[in-house]
Amino acid sequence: MNIAKIAATTTTALFLLNACKGSGLSQEGSTNDPVVARVGPGAITASEYKARLEEQPPLIRSRYGSLEMKKEFLDTLVRFEVLAQEARRQGLEKDPEFQAAVEKLLVQRLVQKQAASVATVPPTDDEVRKYYQEHLTEFVRPEKVRVSQVFLASAEGDAKRASVKAEADKLVAEIRKQEAGPVKTAFAEQVRKRSDDAASRDAGGDLGLLTHEQLAAKWGQPVADATFGLQTLGEVGLVASSRGLHLLKLTARQPGFSQTVDQVKPRIESRLMVEKRSRAMDDLMAGLLGKTKVEVDEKVLSSLSVDKDGVGNAQPSP
């Protein structure tokens, strides 16, 4: 087979595979759209020829510049029209499978049309800002730290506060010295032995992953400031609060981030368009169902059986 015939065969195959894109080549021509070829009762117009050619991949399209090659492509259209006319003659357009395929295509076109109508109305700046505020935690997240503590209770004004402070200083020095090596268990041991806060002691000293604001609300501003002042994981510090002395060990840090509405505007607009298209389809469906009578025969429905794989071939039970 020569190259020209191979090209023609390939094009024919591609055309037949893409035939469902068109609606048949049987329209009469006009002054602005002359007939290129008449095929029995049908006709192939210039616009139809061009439309079919544009459906082909660029590499295939580029082959049809000369008159000879244009004739070859026209031959594929003629072959298709002849087959289409014969299919209609045999009444294949009434075949249930064909009708089902047509209905699927109709629904796809309706959904595309509905989506296109919504796509022409982009979200307003007010809608973008409203979405941003309603989902602020997604775009703005404060820094968080995880810290463990050994808490030595001694309120301000307590006569023993000075001695508790001295004890805390000694504990910090011992912990830092012991944890300077490969074994990092000294802090956890002091939590079990010495911490006066039962809740954190039972959790191994862990206060959880908290923001500066959350830590300040729970343990006071000095504790929050001291904790966020720790620079490296495993670092141990000491701070006094109105409630006592806190030995703090930084165990994790979660960086925060802050994205302005302008920075995330394209992302929000995309999401809002998806939501609008979804609402538009819901509204369309609700309207259509509202004016369409639907009756369900539950007896027939319950009698339907499904094959063991749970797909296809559902048949009424005998």
C-alpha atoms as a PDB file:
ATOM      1  CA  MET A   1       0.000   0.000   0.000  1.00  0.00           C
ATOM      2  CA  ASN A   2       1.476   3.392  -0.977  1.00  0.00           C
ATOM      3  CA  ILE A   3       1.767   6.396   1.330  1.00  0.00           C
ATOM      4  CA  ALA A   4      -1.278   8.186  -0.145  1.00  0.00           C
ATOM      5  CA  LYS A   5      -3.495   5.155   0.451  1.00  0.00           C
ATOM      6  CA  ILE A   6      -2.142   4.757   3.989  1.00  0.00           C
ATOM      7  CA  ALA A   7      -2.957   8.424   4.672  1.00  0.00           C
ATOM      8  CA  ALA A   8      -6.454   8.002   3.222  1.00  0.00           C
ATOM      9  CA  THR A   9      -7.070   4.864   5.272  1.00  0.00           C
ATOM     10  CA  THR A  10      -5.844   6.538   8.453  1.00  0.00           C
ATOM     11  CA  THR A  11      -8.004   9.575   7.840  1.00  0.00           C
ATOM     12  CA  THR A  12     -11.047   7.432   7.162  1.00  0.00           C
ATOM     13  CA  ALA A  13     -10.541   5.606  10.445  1.00  0.00           C
ATOM     14  CA  LEU A  14     -10.081   8.833  12.365  1.00  0.00           C
ATOM     15  CA  PHE A  15     -13.094  10.359  10.720  1.00  0.00           C
ATOM     16  CA  LEU A  16     -15.344   7.425  11.493  1.00  0.00           C
ATOM     17  CA  LEU A  17     -14.159   7.442  15.113  1.00  0.00           C
ATOM     18  CA  ASN A  18     -15.036  11.130  15.392  1.00  0.00           C
ATOM     19  CA  ALA A  19     -18.248  10.922  13.392  1.00  0.00           C
ATOM     20  CA  CYS A  20     -20.430  11.433  16.439  1.00  0.00           C
ATOM     21  CA  LYS A  21     -19.190  15.033  16.622  1.00  0.00           C
ATOM     22  CA  GLY A  22     -21.273  15.960  13.595  1.00  0.00           C
ATOM     23  CA  SER A  23     -24.923  15.590  12.713  1.00  0.00           C
ATOM     24  CA  GLY A  24     -24.631  14.025   9.270  1.00  0.00           C
ATOM     25  CA  LEU A  25     -23.625  15.481   5.891  1.00  0.00           C
ATOM     26  CA  SER A  26     -26.928  15.922   4.139  1.00  0.00           C
ATOM     27  CA  GLN A  27     -27.602  19.655   4.041  1.00  0.00           C
ATOM     28  CA  GLU A  28     -28.241  21.579   0.836  1.00  0.00           C
ATOM     29  CA  GLY A  29     -25.806  24.304  -0.095  1.00  0.00           C
ATOM     30  CA  SER A  30     -26.335  28.056  -0.544  1.00  0.00           C
ATOM     31  CA  THR A  31     -24.643  30.977  -2.230  1.00  0.00           C
ATOM     32  CA  ASN A  32     -22.395  31.478   0.801  1.00  0.00           C
ATOM     33  CA  ASP A  33     -21.966  27.768   1.358  1.00  0.00           C
ATOM     34  CA  PRO A  34     -21.694  25.978  -2.002  1.00  0.00           C
ATOM     35  CA  VAL A  35     -22.041  22.227  -2.443  1.00  0.00           C
ATOM     36  CA  VAL A  36     -18.708  20.447  -2.858  1.00  0.00           C
ATOM     37  CA  ALA A  37     -20.213  17.082  -3.714  1.00  0.00           C
ATOM     38  CA  ARG A  38     -23.682  15.541  -4.050  1.00  0.00           C
ATOM     39  CA  VAL A  39     -24.068  12.025  -2.691  1.00  0.00           C
ATOM     40  CA  GLY A  40     -27.395  10.493  -3.642  1.00  0.00           C
ATOM     41  CA  PRO A  41     -30.078  12.557  -1.916  1.00  0.00           C
ATOM     42  CA  GLY A  42     -27.500  14.200   0.307  1.00  0.00           C
ATOM     43  CA  ALA A  43     -24.914  16.913  -0.192  1.00  0.00           C
ATOM     44  CA  ILE A  44     -21.533  17.887   1.249  1.00  0.00           C
ATOM     45  CA  THR A  45     -21.138  21.658   1.506  1.00  0.00           C
ATOM     46  CA  ALA A  46     -17.954  23.698   1.781  1.00  0.00           C
ATOM     47  CA  SER A  47     -18.605  24.531   5.441  1.00  0.00           C
ATOM     48  CA  GLU A  48     -19.204  20.851   6.250  1.00  0.00           C
ATOM     49  CA  TYR A  49     -16.009  19.854   4.467  1.00  0.00           C
ATOM     50  CA  LYS A  50     -14.059  22.468   6.430  1.00  0.00           C
ATOM     51  CA  ALA A  51     -15.669  21.506   9.743  1.00  0.00           C
ATOM     52  CA  ARG A  52     -14.794  17.831   9.267  1.00  0.00           C
ATOM     53  CA  LEU A  53     -11.249  18.686   8.270  1.00  0.00           C
ATOM     54  CA  GLU A  54     -10.805  20.855  11.364  1.00  0.00           C
ATOM     55  CA  GLU A  55     -11.821  17.907  13.528  1.00  0.00           C
ATOM     56  CA  GLN A  56      -8.658  16.084  12.460  1.00  0.00           C
ATOM     57  CA  PRO A  57      -5.352  16.390  14.367  1.00  0.00           C
ATOM     58  CA  PRO A  58      -3.034  19.160  13.075  1.00  0.00           C
ATOM     59  CA  LEU A  59      -0.570  16.628  11.647  1.00  0.00           C
ATOM     60  CA  ILE A  60      -3.315  14.979   9.557  1.00  0.00           C
ATOM     61  CA  ARG A  61      -4.805  18.337   8.535  1.00  0.00           C
ATOM     62  CA  SER A  62      -1.489  19.581   7.212  1.00  0.00           C
ATOM     63  CA  ARG A  63      -1.461  16.864   4.525  1.00  0.00           C
ATOM     64  CA  TYR A  64      -4.466  18.237   2.677  1.00  0.00           C
ATOM     65  CA  GLY A  65      -3.092  21.323   0.989  1.00  0.00           C
ATOM     66  CA  SER A  66      -3.046  20.106  -2.621  1.00  0.00           C
ATOM     67  CA  LEU A  67      -6.109  19.442  -4.777  1.00  0.00           C
ATOM     68  CA  GLU A  68      -5.226  15.754  -4.991  1.00  0.00           C
ATOM     69  CA  MET A  69      -5.132  15.405  -1.209  1.00  0.00           C
ATOM     70  CA  LYS A  70      -8.320  17.444  -0.823  1.00  0.00           C
ATOM     71  CA  LYS A  71     -10.005  14.943  -3.119  1.00  0.00           C
ATOM     72  CA  GLU A  72      -8.738  12.122  -0.931  1.00  0.00           C
ATOM     73  CA  PHE A  73     -10.279  13.711   2.147  1.00  0.00           C
ATOM     74  CA  LEU A  74     -13.504  14.381   0.274  1.00  0.00           C
ATOM     75  CA  ASP A  75     -13.565  10.695  -0.574  1.00  0.00           C
ATOM     76  CA  THR A  76     -13.656   9.890   3.171  1.00  0.00           C
ATOM     77  CA  LEU A  77     -16.642  12.231   3.543  1.00  0.00           C
ATOM     78  CA  VAL A  78     -18.410  10.605   0.622  1.00  0.00           C
ATOM     79  CA  ARG A  79     -17.805   7.154   2.090  1.00  0.00           C
ATOM     80  CA  PHE A  80     -19.169   8.310   5.421  1.00  0.00           C
ATOM     81  CA  GLU A  81     -22.274   9.851   3.818  1.00  0.00           C
ATOM     82  CA  VAL A  82     -22.950   6.688   1.852  1.00  0.00           C
ATOM     83  CA  LEU A  83     -22.725   4.652   5.064  1.00  0.00           C
ATOM     84  CA  ALA A  84     -24.929   7.139   6.932  1.00  0.00           C
ATOM     85  CA  GLN A  85     -27.588   6.991   4.210  1.00  0.00           C
ATOM     86  CA  GLU A  86     -27.533   3.201   4.278  1.00  0.00           C
ATOM     87  CA  ALA A  87     -27.801   3.193   8.088  1.00  0.00           C
ATOM     88  CA  ARG A  88     -30.855   5.432   7.847  1.00  0.00           C
ATOM     89  CA  ARG A  89     -32.308   3.250   5.093  1.00  0.00           C
ATOM     90  CA  GLN A  90     -32.007   0.274   7.428  1.00  0.00           C
ATOM     91  CA  GLY A  91     -33.659   2.243  10.238  1.00  0.00           C
ATOM     92  CA  LEU A  92     -30.648   1.974  12.541  1.00  0.00           C
ATOM     93  CA  GLU A  93     -31.350   5.413  13.967  1.00  0.00           C
ATOM     94  CA  LYS A  94     -34.276   3.732  15.775  1.00  0.00           C
ATOM     95  CA  ASP A  95     -31.959   1.226  17.462  1.00  0.00           C
ATOM     96  CA  PRO A  96     -32.290   1.519  21.292  1.00  0.00           C
ATOM     97  CA  GLU A  97     -28.503   1.654  21.755  1.00  0.00           C
ATOM     98  CA  PHE A  98     -28.261   4.469  19.231  1.00  0.00           C
ATOM     99  CA  GLN A  99     -31.117   6.363  20.872  1.00  0.00           C
ATOM    100  CA  ALA A 100     -29.464   5.949  24.277  1.00  0.00           C
ATOM    101  CA  ALA A 101     -26.198   7.336  22.896  1.00  0.00           C
ATOM    102  CA  VAL A 102     -28.049  10.302  21.397  1.00  0.00           C
ATOM    103  CA  GLU A 103     -29.754  11.028  24.720  1.00  0.00           C
ATOM    104  CA  LYS A 104     -26.411  10.970  26.538  1.00  0.00           C
ATOM    105  CA  LEU A 105     -25.011  13.412  24.005  1.00  0.00           C
ATOM    106  CA  LEU A 106     -28.061  15.657  24.384  1.00  0.00           C
ATOM    107  CA  VAL A 107     -27.641  15.753  28.158  1.00  0.00           C
ATOM    108  CA  GLN A 108     -23.929  16.552  27.769  1.00  0.00           C
ATOM    109  CA  ARG A 109     -24.751  19.414  25.416  1.00  0.00           C
ATOM    110  CA  LEU A 110     -27.395  20.752  27.833  1.00  0.00           C
ATOM    111  CA  VAL A 111     -24.927  20.675  30.741  1.00  0.00           C
ATOM    112  CA  GLN A 112     -22.291  22.407  28.591  1.00  0.00           C
ATOM    113  CA  LYS A 113     -24.805  25.057  27.534  1.00  0.00           C
ATOM    114  CA  GLN A 114     -25.868  25.661  31.122  1.00  0.00           C
ATOM    115  CA  ALA A 115     -22.241  25.910  32.279  1.00  0.00           C
ATOM    116  CA  ALA A 116     -21.408  28.298  29.435  1.00  0.00           C
ATOM    117  CA  SER A 117     -24.265  30.597  30.382  1.00  0.00           C
ATOM    118  CA  VAL A 118     -23.006  30.788  33.979  1.00  0.00           C
ATOM    119  CA  ALA A 119     -19.380  31.242  32.902  1.00  0.00           C
ATOM    120  CA  THR A 120     -20.267  34.585  31.310  1.00  0.00           C
ATOM    121  CA  VAL A 121     -20.989  36.066  34.763  1.00  0.00           C
ATOM    122  CA  PRO A 122     -17.719  36.140  36.760  1.00  0.00           C
ATOM    123  CA  PRO A 123     -17.802  36.535  40.563  1.00  0.00           C
ATOM    124  CA  THR A 124     -17.861  40.108  41.847  1.00  0.00           C
ATOM    125  CA  ASP A 125     -15.179  41.507  44.137  1.00  0.00           C
ATOM    126  CA  ASP A 126     -17.722  41.512  46.975  1.00  0.00           C
ATOM    127  CA  GLU A 127     -18.383  37.790  46.428  1.00  0.00           C
ATOM    128  CA  VAL A 128     -14.642  37.087  46.454  1.00  0.00           C
ATOM    129  CA  ARG A 129     -14.135  39.047  49.688  1.00  0.00           C
ATOM    130  CA  LYS A 130     -17.130  37.352  51.330  1.00  0.00           C
ATOM    131  CA  TYR A 131     -15.749  33.899  50.457  1.00  0.00           C
ATOM    132  CA  TYR A 132     -12.321  34.953  51.747  1.00  0.00           C
ATOM    133  CA  GLN A 133     -13.714  36.044  55.119  1.00  0.00           C
ATOM    134  CA  GLU A 134     -15.880  32.919  55.456  1.00  0.00           C
ATOM    135  CA  HIS A 135     -12.836  30.688  54.800  1.00  0.00           C
ATOM    136  CA  LEU A 136     -10.223  32.854  56.482  1.00  0.00           C
ATOM    137  CA  THR A 137      -8.559  29.976  58.341  1.00  0.00           C
ATOM    138  CA  GLU A 138      -7.655  28.447  54.975  1.00  0.00           C
ATOM    139  CA  PHE A 139      -5.744  31.550  53.877  1.00  0.00           C
ATOM    140  CA  VAL A 140      -4.434  32.916  57.185  1.00  0.00           C
ATOM    141  CA  ARG A 141      -2.925  30.659  59.842  1.00  0.00           C
ATOM    142  CA  PRO A 142      -0.971  31.920  62.862  1.00  0.00           C
ATOM    143  CA  GLU A 143       2.241  30.274  63.931  1.00  0.00           C
ATOM    144  CA  LYS A 144       1.877  27.483  66.482  1.00  0.00           C
ATOM    145  CA  VAL A 145       4.351  25.845  68.831  1.00  0.00           C
ATOM    146  CA  ARG A 146       4.276  22.639  70.843  1.00  0.00           C
ATOM    147  CA  VAL A 147       5.829  22.912  74.248  1.00  0.00           C
ATOM    148  CA  SER A 148       6.224  20.760  77.347  1.00  0.00           C
ATOM    149  CA  GLN A 149       6.504  22.167  80.851  1.00  0.00           C
ATOM    150  CA  VAL A 150       7.527  21.377  84.382  1.00  0.00           C
ATOM    151  CA  PHE A 151       5.336  23.630  86.496  1.00  0.00           C
ATOM    152  CA  LEU A 152       6.444  24.655  89.988  1.00  0.00           C
ATOM    153  CA  ALA A 153       3.469  26.257  91.728  1.00  0.00           C
ATOM    154  CA  SER A 154       4.212  29.442  93.688  1.00  0.00           C
ATOM    155  CA  ALA A 155       1.975  32.474  93.374  1.00  0.00           C
ATOM    156  CA  GLU A 156       3.335  36.016  93.479  1.00  0.00           C
ATOM    157  CA  GLY A 157       3.716  37.141  97.079  1.00  0.00           C
ATOM    158  CA  ASP A 158       4.223  33.586  98.296  1.00  0.00           C
ATOM    159  CA  ALA A 159       6.904  33.469 101.010  1.00  0.00           C
ATOM    160  CA  LYS A 160       8.430  30.417  99.376  1.00  0.00           C
ATOM    161  CA  ARG A 161       8.613  31.920  95.898  1.00  0.00           C
ATOM    162  CA  ALA A 162      12.308  32.765  96.156  1.00  0.00           C
ATOM    163  CA  SER A 163      13.221  29.230  97.153  1.00  0.00           C
ATOM    164  CA  VAL A 164      11.013  27.799  94.385  1.00  0.00           C
ATOM    165  CA  LYS A 165      12.767  30.102  91.921  1.00  0.00           C
ATOM    166  CA  ALA A 166      16.146  28.827  93.121  1.00  0.00           C
ATOM    167  CA  GLU A 167      14.947  25.243  92.718  1.00  0.00           C
ATOM    168  CA  ALA A 168      13.739  26.014  89.189  1.00  0.00           C
ATOM    169  CA  ASP A 169      17.094  27.542  88.244  1.00  0.00           C
ATOM    170  CA  LYS A 170      18.853  24.432  89.517  1.00  0.00           C
ATOM    171  CA  LEU A 171      16.529  22.102  87.599  1.00  0.00           C
ATOM    172  CA  VAL A 172      17.046  24.014  84.349  1.00  0.00           C
ATOM    173  CA  ALA A 173      20.818  23.815  84.744  1.00  0.00           C
ATOM    174  CA  GLU A 174      20.677  20.082  85.428  1.00  0.00           C
ATOM    175  CA  ILE A 175      18.337  19.378  82.504  1.00  0.00           C
ATOM    176  CA  ARG A 176      20.440  21.380  80.066  1.00  0.00           C
ATOM    177  CA  LYS A 177      23.594  19.596  81.213  1.00  0.00           C
ATOM    178  CA  GLN A 178      22.088  16.115  81.013  1.00  0.00           C
ATOM    179  CA  GLU A 179      20.388  16.705  77.661  1.00  0.00           C
ATOM    180  CA  ALA A 180      23.530  18.130  76.095  1.00  0.00           C
ATOM    181  CA  GLY A 181      24.426  14.526  75.293  1.00  0.00           C
ATOM    182  CA  PRO A 182      22.629  11.983  73.113  1.00  0.00           C
ATOM    183  CA  VAL A 183      20.082  11.001  75.820  1.00  0.00           C
ATOM    184  CA  LYS A 184      17.180  13.475  76.060  1.00  0.00           C
ATOM    185  CA  THR A 185      15.139  12.103  78.959  1.00  0.00           C
ATOM    186  CA  ALA A 186      16.028  14.475  81.817  1.00  0.00           C
ATOM    187  CA  PHE A 187      13.147  16.882  81.164  1.00  0.00           C
ATOM    188  CA  ALA A 188      10.563  14.065  81.004  1.00  0.00           C
ATOM    189  CA  GLU A 189      11.894  12.652  84.295  1.00  0.00           C
ATOM    190  CA  GLN A 190      11.446  16.020  86.033  1.00  0.00           C
ATOM    191  CA  VAL A 191       7.903  16.264  84.660  1.00  0.00           C
ATOM    192  CA  ARG A 192       7.029  13.008  86.401  1.00  0.00           C
ATOM    193  CA  LYS A 193       8.906  13.846  89.627  1.00  0.00           C
ATOM    194  CA  ARG A 194       8.263  17.537  90.141  1.00  0.00           C
ATOM    195  CA  SER A 195       5.553  19.126  88.008  1.00  0.00           C
ATOM    196  CA  ASP A 196       2.623  20.508  90.026  1.00  0.00           C
ATOM    197  CA  ASP A 197       0.189  20.611  87.077  1.00  0.00           C
ATOM    198  CA  ALA A 198      -1.626  17.269  87.005  1.00  0.00           C
ATOM    199  CA  ALA A 199      -3.101  17.667  83.515  1.00  0.00           C
ATOM    200  CA  SER A 200       0.175  18.353  81.719  1.00  0.00           C
ATOM    201  CA  ARG A 201       2.068  15.945  83.982  1.00  0.00           C
ATOM    202  CA  ASP A 202      -0.219  13.090  82.917  1.00  0.00           C
ATOM    203  CA  ALA A 203       0.500  14.043  79.284  1.00  0.00           C
ATOM    204  CA  GLY A 204       4.263  13.922  79.832  1.00  0.00           C
ATOM    205  CA  GLY A 205       4.364  17.700  80.200  1.00  0.00           C
ATOM    206  CA  ASP A 206       2.878  18.340  76.758  1.00  0.00           C
ATOM    207  CA  LEU A 207       0.698  21.442  76.490  1.00  0.00           C
ATOM    208  CA  GLY A 208      -0.290  20.724  72.894  1.00  0.00           C
ATOM    209  CA  LEU A 209       0.097  22.681  69.661  1.00  0.00           C
ATOM    210  CA  LEU A 210      -0.995  26.233  70.449  1.00  0.00           C
ATOM    211  CA  THR A 211      -0.919  29.733  69.023  1.00  0.00           C
ATOM    212  CA  HIS A 212       0.573  32.620  70.966  1.00  0.00           C
ATOM    213  CA  GLU A 213      -2.932  33.801  71.792  1.00  0.00           C
ATOM    214  CA  GLN A 214      -4.084  30.373  73.002  1.00  0.00           C
ATOM    215  CA  LEU A 215      -0.989  29.881  75.144  1.00  0.00           C
ATOM    216  CA  ALA A 216      -1.387  33.336  76.691  1.00  0.00           C
ATOM    217  CA  ALA A 217      -5.042  32.699  77.474  1.00  0.00           C
ATOM    218  CA  LYS A 218      -4.224  29.429  79.230  1.00  0.00           C
ATOM    219  CA  TRP A 219      -0.952  30.191  81.016  1.00  0.00           C
ATOM    220  CA  GLY A 220      -0.426  33.935  80.765  1.00  0.00           C
ATOM    221  CA  GLN A 221       1.425  36.370  78.528  1.00  0.00           C
ATOM    222  CA  PRO A 222       4.911  35.749  80.033  1.00  0.00           C
ATOM    223  CA  VAL A 223       4.663  32.008  79.293  1.00  0.00           C
ATOM    224  CA  ALA A 224       3.482  32.667  75.729  1.00  0.00           C
ATOM    225  CA  ASP A 225       6.266  35.210  75.101  1.00  0.00           C
ATOM    226  CA  ALA A 226       8.938  32.922  76.546  1.00  0.00           C
ATOM    227  CA  THR A 227       7.733  29.907  74.593  1.00  0.00           C
ATOM    228  CA  PHE A 228       7.691  31.719  71.244  1.00  0.00           C
ATOM    229  CA  GLY A 229      11.111  33.112  72.121  1.00  0.00           C
ATOM    230  CA  LEU A 230      12.647  29.613  72.132  1.00  0.00           C
ATOM    231  CA  GLN A 231      14.541  29.239  68.867  1.00  0.00           C
ATOM    232  CA  THR A 232      15.496  25.580  68.436  1.00  0.00           C
ATOM    233  CA  LEU A 233      13.670  22.307  69.032  1.00  0.00           C
ATOM    234  CA  GLY A 234      14.667  20.778  72.345  1.00  0.00           C
ATOM    235  CA  GLU A 235      15.682  24.144  73.798  1.00  0.00           C
ATOM    236  CA  VAL A 236      14.806  24.548  77.488  1.00  0.00           C
ATOM    237  CA  GLY A 237      13.871  27.861  79.100  1.00  0.00           C
ATOM    238  CA  LEU A 238      12.522  29.210  82.382  1.00  0.00           C
ATOM    239  CA  VAL A 239       9.921  31.899  82.973  1.00  0.00           C
ATOM    240  CA  ALA A 240       7.980  33.166  85.985  1.00  0.00           C
ATOM    241  CA  SER A 241       4.248  33.861  85.894  1.00  0.00           C
ATOM    242  CA  SER A 242       1.741  34.989  88.484  1.00  0.00           C
ATOM    243  CA  ARG A 243       1.037  31.324  89.195  1.00  0.00           C
ATOM    244  CA  GLY A 244       4.557  29.990  89.568  1.00  0.00           C
ATOM    245  CA  LEU A 245       7.686  28.941  87.668  1.00  0.00           C
ATOM    246  CA  HIS A 246       7.547  27.246  84.291  1.00  0.00           C
ATOM    247  CA  LEU A 247      10.343  25.120  82.844  1.00  0.00           C
ATOM    248  CA  LEU A 248       9.607  25.031  79.130  1.00  0.00           C
ATOM    249  CA  LYS A 249      10.909  22.726  76.399  1.00  0.00           C
ATOM    250  CA  LEU A 250      10.142  23.454  72.727  1.00  0.00           C
ATOM    251  CA  THR A 251       9.187  20.230  70.924  1.00  0.00           C
ATOM    252  CA  ALA A 252       7.633  21.429  67.639  1.00  0.00           C
ATOM    253  CA  ARG A 253       6.970  24.548  65.632  1.00  0.00           C
ATOM    254  CA  GLN A 254       4.322  24.985  62.916  1.00  0.00           C
ATOM    255  CA  PRO A 255       5.024  28.024  60.708  1.00  0.00           C
ATOM    256  CA  GLY A 256       2.152  30.345  60.056  1.00  0.00           C
ATOM    257  CA  PHE A 257       1.185  32.016  56.801  1.00  0.00           C
ATOM    258  CA  SER A 258      -0.976  34.884  55.656  1.00  0.00           C
ATOM    259  CA  GLN A 259      -2.351  35.233  52.127  1.00  0.00           C
ATOM    260  CA  THR A 260      -4.182  38.413  51.195  1.00  0.00           C
ATOM    261  CA  VAL A 261      -7.464  38.365  49.297  1.00  0.00           C
ATOM    262  CA  ASP A 262      -5.670  39.677  46.205  1.00  0.00           C
ATOM    263  CA  GLN A 263      -3.146  36.832  46.334  1.00  0.00           C
ATOM    264  CA  VAL A 264      -5.827  34.141  46.411  1.00  0.00           C
ATOM    265  CA  LYS A 265      -8.408  35.905  44.221  1.00  0.00           C
ATOM    266  CA  PRO A 266      -7.912  33.656  41.132  1.00  0.00           C
ATOM    267  CA  ARG A 267      -8.301  30.540  43.280  1.00  0.00           C
ATOM    268  CA  ILE A 268     -11.461  31.880  44.922  1.00  0.00           C
ATOM    269  CA  GLU A 269     -12.931  32.975  41.583  1.00  0.00           C
ATOM    270  CA  SER A 270     -12.395  29.465  40.209  1.00  0.00           C
ATOM    271  CA  ARG A 271     -14.133  27.897  43.205  1.00  0.00           C
ATOM    272  CA  LEU A 272     -17.033  30.338  43.020  1.00  0.00           C
ATOM    273  CA  MET A 273     -17.524  29.558  39.327  1.00  0.00           C
ATOM    274  CA  VAL A 274     -17.695  25.838  40.131  1.00  0.00           C
ATOM    275  CA  GLU A 275     -20.246  26.567  42.862  1.00  0.00           C
ATOM    276  CA  LYS A 276     -22.292  28.779  40.528  1.00  0.00           C
ATOM    277  CA  ARG A 277     -22.367  26.126  37.829  1.00  0.00           C
ATOM    278  CA  SER A 278     -23.413  23.537  40.377  1.00  0.00           C
ATOM    279  CA  ARG A 279     -26.195  25.762  41.729  1.00  0.00           C
ATOM    280  CA  ALA A 280     -27.352  26.573  38.198  1.00  0.00           C
ATOM    281  CA  MET A 281     -27.657  22.861  37.404  1.00  0.00           C
ATOM    282  CA  ASP A 282     -29.461  22.247  40.697  1.00  0.00           C
ATOM    283  CA  ASP A 283     -31.885  25.068  39.922  1.00  0.00           C
ATOM    284  CA  LEU A 284     -32.457  23.778  36.398  1.00  0.00           C
ATOM    285  CA  MET A 285     -33.081  20.265  37.663  1.00  0.00           C
ATOM    286  CA  ALA A 286     -35.405  21.475  40.419  1.00  0.00           C
ATOM    287  CA  GLY A 287     -37.393  23.523  37.915  1.00  0.00           C
ATOM    288  CA  LEU A 288     -37.682  20.669  35.447  1.00  0.00           C
ATOM    289  CA  LEU A 289     -38.686  18.167  38.127  1.00  0.00           C
ATOM    290  CA  GLY A 290     -41.211  20.673  39.455  1.00  0.00           C
ATOM    291  CA  LYS A 291     -43.136  20.662  36.197  1.00  0.00           C
ATOM    292  CA  THR A 292     -42.546  17.034  35.240  1.00  0.00           C
ATOM    293  CA  LYS A 293     -44.734  14.249  36.565  1.00  0.00           C
ATOM    294  CA  VAL A 294     -42.633  11.356  37.846  1.00  0.00           C
ATOM    295  CA  GLU A 295     -44.198   8.063  38.883  1.00  0.00           C
ATOM    296  CA  VAL A 296     -42.184   5.189  40.360  1.00  0.00           C
ATOM    297  CA  ASP A 297     -43.473   1.629  40.370  1.00  0.00           C
ATOM    298  CA  GLU A 298     -41.782   0.263  43.480  1.00  0.00           C
ATOM    299  CA  LYS A 299     -43.052  -3.241  42.771  1.00  0.00           C
ATOM    300  CA  VAL A 300     -41.185  -3.364  39.466  1.00  0.00           C
ATOM    301  CA  LEU A 301     -38.180  -1.622  41.009  1.00  0.00           C
ATOM    302  CA  SER A 302     -37.926  -4.115  43.859  1.00  0.00           C
ATOM    303  CA  SER A 303     -38.166  -7.028  41.431  1.00  0.00           C
ATOM    304  CA  LEU A 304     -35.053  -5.968  39.531  1.00  0.00           C
ATOM    305  CA  SER A 305     -32.022  -8.144  40.186  1.00  0.00           C
ATOM    306  CA  VAL A 306     -28.389  -7.188  39.726  1.00  0.00           C
ATOM    307  CA  ASP A 307     -25.600  -9.537  38.719  1.00  0.00           C
ATOM    308  CA  LYS A 308     -23.014 -10.666  41.292  1.00  0.00           C
ATOM    309  CA  ASP A 309     -20.569  -7.891  40.318  1.00  0.00           C
ATOM    310  CA  GLY A 310     -23.231  -5.318  41.028  1.00  0.00           C
ATOM    311  CA  VAL A 311     -23.044  -3.741  37.600  1.00  0.00           C
ATOM    312  CA  GLY A 312     -25.047  -4.014  34.391  1.00  0.00           C
ATOM    313  CA  ASN A 313     -27.440  -6.643  33.174  1.00  0.00           C
ATOM    314  CA  ALA A 314     -30.152  -5.823  35.708  1.00  0.00           C
ATOM    315  CA  GLN A 315     -33.159  -7.931  34.833  1.00  0.00           C
ATOM    316  CA  PRO A 316     -36.600  -8.314  36.413  1.00  0.00           C
ATOM    317  CA  SER A 317     -36.780 -11.349  38.653  1.00  0.00           C
ATOM    318  CA  PRO A 318     -38.931 -14.168  37.233  1.00  0.00           C
END
